[in-house]
Amino acid sequence: MLELIAFPRSILYHHSGREYKAPLASLNPWQPFLSHIRFAPSKKRKFQHHGRRAFGSKNRLECKNMHRTSSFNYRSSAGVPLHELPWASFDEYIEDKGRVIRSIFPENSASLQLNQEEWRVKMTPIQALFLKCEPVIHITVKCISEANDYPHEIPSHITKFLHVHITRVEFPDLNAGYIPQDFNINAKGALYLERRGRHKWMKNQLDINVNLAFPPLLAWVPEEGLHNILQSILKNYVEDVNKGFAVRLLADYNSFKRNKHKKLV
């Protein structure tokens, strides 16, 4: 019999009288996660759904009408100093939307432009429990310079901002039985330059809301463990995107300035 107890950043489990502890989730494909362990219900105890509790879960394993859900909400606003040059304005830089998208997401992700405003991005691989997948997100990107079209959180004196909207997420390499049910995402971001006298700040805003229902095939995993796995995965993605704004995007803009300067010489 295999017993699971969920912790925020790890899973403690007992097997054959011994105790093991492992991380909940990993976004790094070179760090295998539980690759040598198979988590599965004991063959002697098939789920008959007689109201018994299993594996320490507070939820009864009644797969016919089980509907365990989870949500993730995140909002942030950040800024980093930026040295803008007259011949290499930040407004001009964000007009190259494909370049900005490639800078925000890590190098091991892959982006494909579908049309003038839509991109398809294959994200960093996820490994959790015995599952591995590479989510694909669809993003619409627009440059907006008319103050009348600005959302309330964008100051009206901003000359131009880049609006990013994740419209949907796909799991192409995940077995249909393990795809989250009723997966809804509403994720928006904004990127712009705040100019105040001689000081300039590259600012970004993120607002992410995710709601989903866990698939019945994961009914044997304690609900708290599933919540912790989801929170860990999404937090890692958000941290990586924030790093894209604060580090990769700034470095790429500096490269943009150097190239513009070479053309002037």
C-alpha atoms as a PDB file:
ATOM      1  CA  MET A   1       0.000   0.000   0.000  1.00  0.00           C
ATOM      2  CA  LEU A   2       1.281   3.491  -0.858  1.00  0.00           C
ATOM      3  CA  GLU A   3       0.481   6.386   1.459  1.00  0.00           C
ATOM      4  CA  LEU A   4       0.789  10.043   0.389  1.00  0.00           C
ATOM      5  CA  ILE A   5       0.878  13.131   2.575  1.00  0.00           C
ATOM      6  CA  ALA A   6       1.019  16.524   0.804  1.00  0.00           C
ATOM      7  CA  PHE A   7       3.286  19.373   1.846  1.00  0.00           C
ATOM      8  CA  PRO A   8       3.556  22.841   0.194  1.00  0.00           C
ATOM      9  CA  ARG A   9       6.845  22.259  -1.617  1.00  0.00           C
ATOM     10  CA  SER A  10       7.252  18.482  -1.468  1.00  0.00           C
ATOM     11  CA  ILE A  11       5.496  15.150  -1.135  1.00  0.00           C
ATOM     12  CA  LEU A  12       6.254  12.825   1.779  1.00  0.00           C
ATOM     13  CA  TYR A  13       5.309   9.249   1.086  1.00  0.00           C
ATOM     14  CA  HIS A  14       5.801   5.828   2.653  1.00  0.00           C
ATOM     15  CA  HIS A  15       6.516   2.669   0.726  1.00  0.00           C
ATOM     16  CA  SER A  16       7.628  -0.762   2.032  1.00  0.00           C
ATOM     17  CA  GLY A  17       8.161   0.648   5.521  1.00  0.00           C
ATOM     18  CA  ARG A  18      10.495   3.422   4.355  1.00  0.00           C
ATOM     19  CA  GLU A  19       9.927   7.172   4.174  1.00  0.00           C
ATOM     20  CA  TYR A  20      10.690   9.273   1.081  1.00  0.00           C
ATOM     21  CA  LYS A  21      10.417  12.984   0.300  1.00  0.00           C
ATOM     22  CA  ALA A  22      10.368  14.530  -3.198  1.00  0.00           C
ATOM     23  CA  PRO A  23       9.652  17.961  -4.746  1.00  0.00           C
ATOM     24  CA  LEU A  24       6.168  18.658  -6.059  1.00  0.00           C
ATOM     25  CA  ALA A  25       6.984  19.909  -9.520  1.00  0.00           C
ATOM     26  CA  SER A  26       9.852  20.850 -11.766  1.00  0.00           C
ATOM     27  CA  LEU A  27      10.066  23.074 -14.821  1.00  0.00           C
ATOM     28  CA  ASN A  28      13.617  22.008 -15.607  1.00  0.00           C
ATOM     29  CA  PRO A  29      13.751  19.070 -18.018  1.00  0.00           C
ATOM     30  CA  TRP A  30      17.299  18.255 -16.900  1.00  0.00           C
ATOM     31  CA  GLN A  31      16.091  17.659 -13.325  1.00  0.00           C
ATOM     32  CA  PRO A  32      14.092  14.392 -13.427  1.00  0.00           C
ATOM     33  CA  PHE A  33      11.133  14.335 -11.099  1.00  0.00           C
ATOM     34  CA  LEU A  34      10.184  11.006  -9.539  1.00  0.00           C
ATOM     35  CA  SER A  35      11.365   9.302 -12.730  1.00  0.00           C
ATOM     36  CA  HIS A  36      12.056   6.007 -10.960  1.00  0.00           C
ATOM     37  CA  ILE A  37       8.832   5.834  -8.961  1.00  0.00           C
ATOM     38  CA  ARG A  38       5.411   4.813 -10.167  1.00  0.00           C
ATOM     39  CA  PHE A  39       2.501   6.238  -8.227  1.00  0.00           C
ATOM     40  CA  ALA A  40      -0.503   4.002  -8.651  1.00  0.00           C
ATOM     41  CA  PRO A  41      -3.278   2.588  -6.459  1.00  0.00           C
ATOM     42  CA  SER A  42      -2.617  -0.786  -4.925  1.00  0.00           C
ATOM     43  CA  LYS A  43      -3.872  -3.630  -7.093  1.00  0.00           C
ATOM     44  CA  LYS A  44      -5.526  -5.193  -4.064  1.00  0.00           C
ATOM     45  CA  ARG A  45      -7.589  -2.084  -3.369  1.00  0.00           C
ATOM     46  CA  LYS A  46      -9.422  -1.081  -6.496  1.00  0.00           C
ATOM     47  CA  PHE A  47     -11.662   1.937  -6.190  1.00  0.00           C
ATOM     48  CA  GLN A  48     -15.142   0.606  -5.496  1.00  0.00           C
ATOM     49  CA  HIS A  49     -16.431   4.001  -4.251  1.00  0.00           C
ATOM     50  CA  HIS A  50     -18.097   2.746  -1.059  1.00  0.00           C
ATOM     51  CA  GLY A  51     -17.489   6.008   0.741  1.00  0.00           C
ATOM     52  CA  ARG A  52     -14.065   5.026   2.131  1.00  0.00           C
ATOM     53  CA  ARG A  53     -11.261   7.543   2.288  1.00  0.00           C
ATOM     54  CA  ALA A  54      -7.957   6.688   0.666  1.00  0.00           C
ATOM     55  CA  PHE A  55      -4.387   7.933   0.979  1.00  0.00           C
ATOM     56  CA  GLY A  56      -5.276  10.398   3.740  1.00  0.00           C
ATOM     57  CA  SER A  57      -7.459  12.525   1.477  1.00  0.00           C
ATOM     58  CA  LYS A  58     -10.427  14.353   2.960  1.00  0.00           C
ATOM     59  CA  ASN A  59     -12.344  13.787  -0.266  1.00  0.00           C
ATOM     60  CA  ARG A  60     -14.208  10.621  -1.013  1.00  0.00           C
ATOM     61  CA  LEU A  61     -13.106   8.950  -4.198  1.00  0.00           C
ATOM     62  CA  GLU A  62     -16.410   8.996  -6.011  1.00  0.00           C
ATOM     63  CA  CYS A  63     -15.194   9.516  -9.547  1.00  0.00           C
ATOM     64  CA  LYS A  64     -18.610   9.581 -11.169  1.00  0.00           C
ATOM     65  CA  ASN A  65     -19.481  12.973  -9.723  1.00  0.00           C
ATOM     66  CA  MET A  66     -16.183  14.183  -8.304  1.00  0.00           C
ATOM     67  CA  HIS A  67     -15.504  17.823  -9.141  1.00  0.00           C
ATOM     68  CA  ARG A  68     -12.367  19.070  -7.415  1.00  0.00           C
ATOM     69  CA  THR A  69     -11.361  22.541  -8.536  1.00  0.00           C
ATOM     70  CA  SER A  70      -8.525  24.973  -7.994  1.00  0.00           C
ATOM     71  CA  SER A  71      -7.730  28.570  -8.839  1.00  0.00           C
ATOM     72  CA  PHE A  72      -4.657  30.761  -9.130  1.00  0.00           C
ATOM     73  CA  ASN A  73      -4.663  34.546  -9.010  1.00  0.00           C
ATOM     74  CA  TYR A  74      -1.664  36.800  -9.447  1.00  0.00           C
ATOM     75  CA  ARG A  75      -1.224  40.521  -9.972  1.00  0.00           C
ATOM     76  CA  SER A  76       1.974  42.543 -10.106  1.00  0.00           C
ATOM     77  CA  SER A  77       3.415  45.847 -11.239  1.00  0.00           C
ATOM     78  CA  ALA A  78       7.176  46.306 -11.551  1.00  0.00           C
ATOM     79  CA  GLY A  79       9.686  48.649 -13.113  1.00  0.00           C
ATOM     80  CA  VAL A  80      13.407  48.811 -13.863  1.00  0.00           C
ATOM     81  CA  PRO A  81      15.521  51.849 -14.842  1.00  0.00           C
ATOM     82  CA  LEU A  82      16.129  52.164 -18.563  1.00  0.00           C
ATOM     83  CA  HIS A  83      18.476  54.421 -20.517  1.00  0.00           C
ATOM     84  CA  GLU A  84      16.648  55.469 -23.674  1.00  0.00           C
ATOM     85  CA  LEU A  85      18.446  57.049 -26.617  1.00  0.00           C
ATOM     86  CA  PRO A  86      16.786  59.505 -29.046  1.00  0.00           C
ATOM     87  CA  TRP A  87      17.613  57.370 -32.099  1.00  0.00           C
ATOM     88  CA  ALA A  88      16.494  54.128 -30.419  1.00  0.00           C
ATOM     89  CA  SER A  89      13.248  54.918 -28.641  1.00  0.00           C
ATOM     90  CA  PHE A  90      11.531  52.299 -26.530  1.00  0.00           C
ATOM     91  CA  ASP A  91       8.282  52.978 -28.391  1.00  0.00           C
ATOM     92  CA  GLU A  92       9.983  51.958 -31.628  1.00  0.00           C
ATOM     93  CA  TYR A  93      11.442  48.860 -29.974  1.00  0.00           C
ATOM     94  CA  ILE A  94       8.080  47.468 -28.812  1.00  0.00           C
ATOM     95  CA  GLU A  95       6.684  47.859 -32.326  1.00  0.00           C
ATOM     96  CA  ASP A  96       8.626  44.670 -33.136  1.00  0.00           C
ATOM     97  CA  LYS A  97       6.135  42.498 -31.258  1.00  0.00           C
ATOM     98  CA  GLY A  98       7.685  39.188 -32.246  1.00  0.00           C
ATOM     99  CA  ARG A  99      11.050  40.288 -30.889  1.00  0.00           C
ATOM    100  CA  VAL A 100       9.485  41.314 -27.588  1.00  0.00           C
ATOM    101  CA  ILE A 101       7.674  37.974 -27.248  1.00  0.00           C
ATOM    102  CA  ARG A 102      10.890  36.051 -27.895  1.00  0.00           C
ATOM    103  CA  SER A 103      12.655  38.125 -25.241  1.00  0.00           C
ATOM    104  CA  ILE A 104      10.010  37.710 -22.553  1.00  0.00           C
ATOM    105  CA  PHE A 105       9.911  33.919 -22.724  1.00  0.00           C
ATOM    106  CA  PRO A 106      13.018  31.766 -22.084  1.00  0.00           C
ATOM    107  CA  GLU A 107      15.297  30.539 -24.845  1.00  0.00           C
ATOM    108  CA  ASN A 108      14.085  26.927 -24.626  1.00  0.00           C
ATOM    109  CA  SER A 109      10.528  28.003 -25.451  1.00  0.00           C
ATOM    110  CA  ALA A 110       9.463  28.298 -29.092  1.00  0.00           C
ATOM    111  CA  SER A 111       7.205  30.934 -30.633  1.00  0.00           C
ATOM    112  CA  LEU A 112       5.347  30.911 -33.940  1.00  0.00           C
ATOM    113  CA  GLN A 113       3.561  33.920 -35.399  1.00  0.00           C
ATOM    114  CA  LEU A 114       0.072  32.988 -36.637  1.00  0.00           C
ATOM    115  CA  ASN A 115      -1.000  36.395 -37.917  1.00  0.00           C
ATOM    116  CA  GLN A 116      -0.296  40.073 -37.372  1.00  0.00           C
ATOM    117  CA  GLU A 117      -1.402  40.026 -33.730  1.00  0.00           C
ATOM    118  CA  GLU A 118      -1.365  36.389 -32.614  1.00  0.00           C
ATOM    119  CA  TRP A 119       1.484  34.111 -31.540  1.00  0.00           C
ATOM    120  CA  ARG A 120       1.662  30.492 -30.488  1.00  0.00           C
ATOM    121  CA  VAL A 121       4.274  29.801 -27.798  1.00  0.00           C
ATOM    122  CA  LYS A 122       5.431  26.364 -26.635  1.00  0.00           C
ATOM    123  CA  MET A 123       6.296  26.755 -22.975  1.00  0.00           C
ATOM    124  CA  THR A 124       9.014  25.197 -20.835  1.00  0.00           C
ATOM    125  CA  PRO A 125       8.305  21.490 -20.125  1.00  0.00           C
ATOM    126  CA  ILE A 126       6.487  20.562 -16.924  1.00  0.00           C
ATOM    127  CA  GLN A 127       7.181  17.423 -14.901  1.00  0.00           C
ATOM    128  CA  ALA A 128       4.856  16.546 -12.031  1.00  0.00           C
ATOM    129  CA  LEU A 129       4.047  13.157 -10.523  1.00  0.00           C
ATOM    130  CA  PHE A 130       4.512  10.773 -13.481  1.00  0.00           C
ATOM    131  CA  LEU A 131       3.278  13.289 -16.080  1.00  0.00           C
ATOM    132  CA  LYS A 132       5.277  15.463 -18.444  1.00  0.00           C
ATOM    133  CA  CYS A 133       3.975  17.974 -20.967  1.00  0.00           C
ATOM    134  CA  GLU A 134       4.847  21.159 -22.844  1.00  0.00           C
ATOM    135  CA  PRO A 135       1.875  23.540 -22.653  1.00  0.00           C
ATOM    136  CA  VAL A 136       1.164  25.741 -25.656  1.00  0.00           C
ATOM    137  CA  ILE A 137      -0.282  29.199 -25.114  1.00  0.00           C
ATOM    138  CA  HIS A 138      -1.959  31.464 -27.650  1.00  0.00           C
ATOM    139  CA  ILE A 139      -1.160  35.156 -27.227  1.00  0.00           C
ATOM    140  CA  THR A 140      -2.535  38.275 -28.842  1.00  0.00           C
ATOM    141  CA  VAL A 141      -0.191  41.274 -28.842  1.00  0.00           C
ATOM    142  CA  LYS A 142      -1.120  44.851 -29.722  1.00  0.00           C
ATOM    143  CA  CYS A 143       0.671  48.194 -29.660  1.00  0.00           C
ATOM    144  CA  ILE A 144      -1.703  50.919 -28.479  1.00  0.00           C
ATOM    145  CA  SER A 145      -0.939  54.632 -28.621  1.00  0.00           C
ATOM    146  CA  GLU A 146      -4.388  56.232 -28.396  1.00  0.00           C
ATOM    147  CA  ALA A 147      -4.995  57.324 -24.799  1.00  0.00           C
ATOM    148  CA  ASN A 148      -8.747  56.824 -25.246  1.00  0.00           C
ATOM    149  CA  ASP A 149      -8.081  53.104 -25.721  1.00  0.00           C
ATOM    150  CA  TYR A 150      -5.946  52.761 -22.592  1.00  0.00           C
ATOM    151  CA  PRO A 151      -7.244  50.626 -19.708  1.00  0.00           C
ATOM    152  CA  HIS A 152      -7.597  52.498 -16.424  1.00  0.00           C
ATOM    153  CA  GLU A 153      -4.330  51.106 -15.009  1.00  0.00           C
ATOM    154  CA  ILE A 154      -2.227  52.711 -17.792  1.00  0.00           C
ATOM    155  CA  PRO A 155      -1.436  56.412 -17.159  1.00  0.00           C
ATOM    156  CA  SER A 156      -2.823  58.658 -19.880  1.00  0.00           C
ATOM    157  CA  HIS A 157       0.539  60.410 -20.437  1.00  0.00           C
ATOM    158  CA  ILE A 158       2.175  57.174 -21.637  1.00  0.00           C
ATOM    159  CA  THR A 159       2.948  57.572 -25.348  1.00  0.00           C
ATOM    160  CA  LYS A 160       2.614  53.878 -26.271  1.00  0.00           C
ATOM    161  CA  PHE A 161       2.198  50.525 -24.546  1.00  0.00           C
ATOM    162  CA  LEU A 162       2.263  46.879 -25.542  1.00  0.00           C
ATOM    163  CA  HIS A 163      -0.816  44.893 -24.560  1.00  0.00           C
ATOM    164  CA  VAL A 164      -0.424  41.114 -24.167  1.00  0.00           C
ATOM    165  CA  HIS A 165      -3.355  38.739 -23.691  1.00  0.00           C
ATOM    166  CA  ILE A 166      -3.169  34.956 -23.260  1.00  0.00           C
ATOM    167  CA  THR A 167      -6.372  33.703 -24.857  1.00  0.00           C
ATOM    168  CA  ARG A 168      -6.082  29.933 -24.369  1.00  0.00           C
ATOM    169  CA  VAL A 169      -3.803  27.068 -23.331  1.00  0.00           C
ATOM    170  CA  GLU A 170      -3.392  23.678 -25.001  1.00  0.00           C
ATOM    171  CA  PHE A 171      -1.801  20.439 -23.753  1.00  0.00           C
ATOM    172  CA  PRO A 172      -1.038  18.630 -27.044  1.00  0.00           C
ATOM    173  CA  ASP A 173       1.245  15.934 -25.622  1.00  0.00           C
ATOM    174  CA  LEU A 174      -0.876  15.064 -22.570  1.00  0.00           C
ATOM    175  CA  ASN A 175      -3.179  12.054 -22.522  1.00  0.00           C
ATOM    176  CA  ALA A 176      -6.790  13.211 -22.817  1.00  0.00           C
ATOM    177  CA  GLY A 177      -7.665  11.635 -19.469  1.00  0.00           C
ATOM    178  CA  TYR A 178      -5.165  13.853 -17.665  1.00  0.00           C
ATOM    179  CA  ILE A 179      -6.017  17.172 -19.320  1.00  0.00           C
ATOM    180  CA  PRO A 180      -7.503  19.586 -16.739  1.00  0.00           C
ATOM    181  CA  GLN A 181     -11.244  19.937 -17.151  1.00  0.00           C
ATOM    182  CA  ASP A 182     -12.949  23.312 -17.511  1.00  0.00           C
ATOM    183  CA  PHE A 183      -9.577  25.011 -17.853  1.00  0.00           C
ATOM    184  CA  ASN A 184     -10.094  28.770 -18.005  1.00  0.00           C
ATOM    185  CA  ILE A 185      -7.340  31.364 -18.140  1.00  0.00           C
ATOM    186  CA  ASN A 186      -7.531  35.129 -18.234  1.00  0.00           C
ATOM    187  CA  ALA A 187      -4.008  36.526 -18.311  1.00  0.00           C
ATOM    188  CA  LYS A 188      -3.135  40.040 -19.412  1.00  0.00           C
ATOM    189  CA  GLY A 189       0.049  42.069 -19.385  1.00  0.00           C
ATOM    190  CA  ALA A 190       1.197  45.558 -20.286  1.00  0.00           C
ATOM    191  CA  LEU A 191       4.652  46.910 -21.128  1.00  0.00           C
ATOM    192  CA  TYR A 192       5.537  50.592 -21.470  1.00  0.00           C
ATOM    193  CA  LEU A 193       8.109  53.264 -20.672  1.00  0.00           C
ATOM    194  CA  GLU A 194       7.441  55.738 -17.871  1.00  0.00           C
ATOM    195  CA  ARG A 195       9.196  59.035 -18.611  1.00  0.00           C
ATOM    196  CA  ARG A 196       9.531  61.538 -15.784  1.00  0.00           C
ATOM    197  CA  GLY A 197      12.034  64.250 -16.586  1.00  0.00           C
ATOM    198  CA  ARG A 198      15.477  62.720 -16.967  1.00  0.00           C
ATOM    199  CA  HIS A 199      14.384  59.478 -15.330  1.00  0.00           C
ATOM    200  CA  LYS A 200      12.906  56.613 -17.333  1.00  0.00           C
ATOM    201  CA  TRP A 201      11.485  53.323 -16.106  1.00  0.00           C
ATOM    202  CA  MET A 202      10.496  50.280 -18.122  1.00  0.00           C
ATOM    203  CA  LYS A 203       7.314  49.075 -16.453  1.00  0.00           C
ATOM    204  CA  ASN A 204       5.288  45.908 -16.774  1.00  0.00           C
ATOM    205  CA  GLN A 205       1.985  44.823 -15.305  1.00  0.00           C
ATOM    206  CA  LEU A 206       0.638  41.286 -15.001  1.00  0.00           C
ATOM    207  CA  ASP A 207      -2.845  40.120 -14.089  1.00  0.00           C
ATOM    208  CA  ILE A 208      -3.352  36.336 -14.205  1.00  0.00           C
ATOM    209  CA  ASN A 209      -6.403  34.282 -13.239  1.00  0.00           C
ATOM    210  CA  VAL A 210      -6.605  30.512 -13.751  1.00  0.00           C
ATOM    211  CA  ASN A 211      -9.483  28.188 -12.856  1.00  0.00           C
ATOM    212  CA  LEU A 212      -9.695  24.467 -13.537  1.00  0.00           C
ATOM    213  CA  ALA A 213     -11.194  21.163 -12.449  1.00  0.00           C
ATOM    214  CA  PHE A 214      -8.810  18.288 -11.798  1.00  0.00           C
ATOM    215  CA  PRO A 215      -9.347  15.208 -13.998  1.00  0.00           C
ATOM    216  CA  PRO A 216     -10.955  12.153 -12.316  1.00  0.00           C
ATOM    217  CA  LEU A 217      -7.900  10.033 -13.177  1.00  0.00           C
ATOM    218  CA  LEU A 218      -6.008  11.965 -10.484  1.00  0.00           C
ATOM    219  CA  ALA A 219      -8.611  11.172  -7.838  1.00  0.00           C
ATOM    220  CA  TRP A 220      -6.095   9.028  -5.953  1.00  0.00           C
ATOM    221  CA  VAL A 221      -3.897  12.090  -5.277  1.00  0.00           C
ATOM    222  CA  PRO A 222      -4.860  14.104  -2.169  1.00  0.00           C
ATOM    223  CA  GLU A 223      -6.564  17.348  -3.122  1.00  0.00           C
ATOM    224  CA  GLU A 224      -4.100  19.443  -1.126  1.00  0.00           C
ATOM    225  CA  GLY A 225      -1.249  17.852  -3.066  1.00  0.00           C
ATOM    226  CA  LEU A 226      -2.879  18.754  -6.394  1.00  0.00           C
ATOM    227  CA  HIS A 227      -3.368  22.345  -5.248  1.00  0.00           C
ATOM    228  CA  ASN A 228       0.273  22.586  -4.200  1.00  0.00           C
ATOM    229  CA  ILE A 229       1.485  21.164  -7.508  1.00  0.00           C
ATOM    230  CA  LEU A 230      -0.626  23.643  -9.496  1.00  0.00           C
ATOM    231  CA  GLN A 231       0.505  26.592  -7.371  1.00  0.00           C
ATOM    232  CA  SER A 232       4.155  25.555  -7.700  1.00  0.00           C
ATOM    233  CA  ILE A 233       3.975  25.215 -11.496  1.00  0.00           C
ATOM    234  CA  LEU A 234       2.186  28.509 -12.074  1.00  0.00           C
ATOM    235  CA  LYS A 235       4.409  30.423  -9.646  1.00  0.00           C
ATOM    236  CA  ASN A 236       7.490  29.151 -11.462  1.00  0.00           C
ATOM    237  CA  TYR A 237       6.042  30.269 -14.793  1.00  0.00           C
ATOM    238  CA  VAL A 238       5.184  33.707 -13.411  1.00  0.00           C
ATOM    239  CA  GLU A 239       8.663  34.134 -11.926  1.00  0.00           C
ATOM    240  CA  ASP A 240      10.196  33.215 -15.273  1.00  0.00           C
ATOM    241  CA  VAL A 241       8.025  35.725 -17.140  1.00  0.00           C
ATOM    242  CA  ASN A 242       8.958  38.422 -14.612  1.00  0.00           C
ATOM    243  CA  LYS A 243      12.603  37.561 -15.213  1.00  0.00           C
ATOM    244  CA  GLY A 244      11.912  37.954 -18.934  1.00  0.00           C
ATOM    245  CA  PHE A 245      10.634  41.480 -18.364  1.00  0.00           C
ATOM    246  CA  ALA A 246      13.333  42.547 -15.908  1.00  0.00           C
ATOM    247  CA  VAL A 247      16.407  40.852 -17.410  1.00  0.00           C
ATOM    248  CA  ARG A 248      16.004  39.371 -20.905  1.00  0.00           C
ATOM    249  CA  LEU A 249      13.911  42.216 -22.310  1.00  0.00           C
ATOM    250  CA  LEU A 250      16.241  44.883 -20.942  1.00  0.00           C
ATOM    251  CA  ALA A 251      19.263  43.086 -22.415  1.00  0.00           C
ATOM    252  CA  ASP A 252      17.546  42.819 -25.788  1.00  0.00           C
ATOM    253  CA  TYR A 253      16.667  46.514 -25.797  1.00  0.00           C
ATOM    254  CA  ASN A 254      20.336  47.326 -25.142  1.00  0.00           C
ATOM    255  CA  SER A 255      21.202  45.152 -28.150  1.00  0.00           C
ATOM    256  CA  PHE A 256      18.599  47.073 -30.163  1.00  0.00           C
ATOM    257  CA  LYS A 257      20.299  50.355 -29.209  1.00  0.00           C
ATOM    258  CA  ARG A 258      23.736  49.106 -30.238  1.00  0.00           C
ATOM    259  CA  ASN A 259      22.484  47.976 -33.635  1.00  0.00           C
ATOM    260  CA  LYS A 260      20.748  51.304 -34.228  1.00  0.00           C
ATOM    261  CA  HIS A 261      23.947  53.139 -33.326  1.00  0.00           C
ATOM    262  CA  LYS A 262      26.000  51.064 -35.793  1.00  0.00           C
ATOM    263  CA  LYS A 263      23.627  52.029 -38.594  1.00  0.00           C
ATOM    264  CA  LEU A 264      24.113  55.709 -37.786  1.00  0.00           C
ATOM    265  CA  VAL A 265      27.903  55.528 -37.863  1.00  0.00           C
END
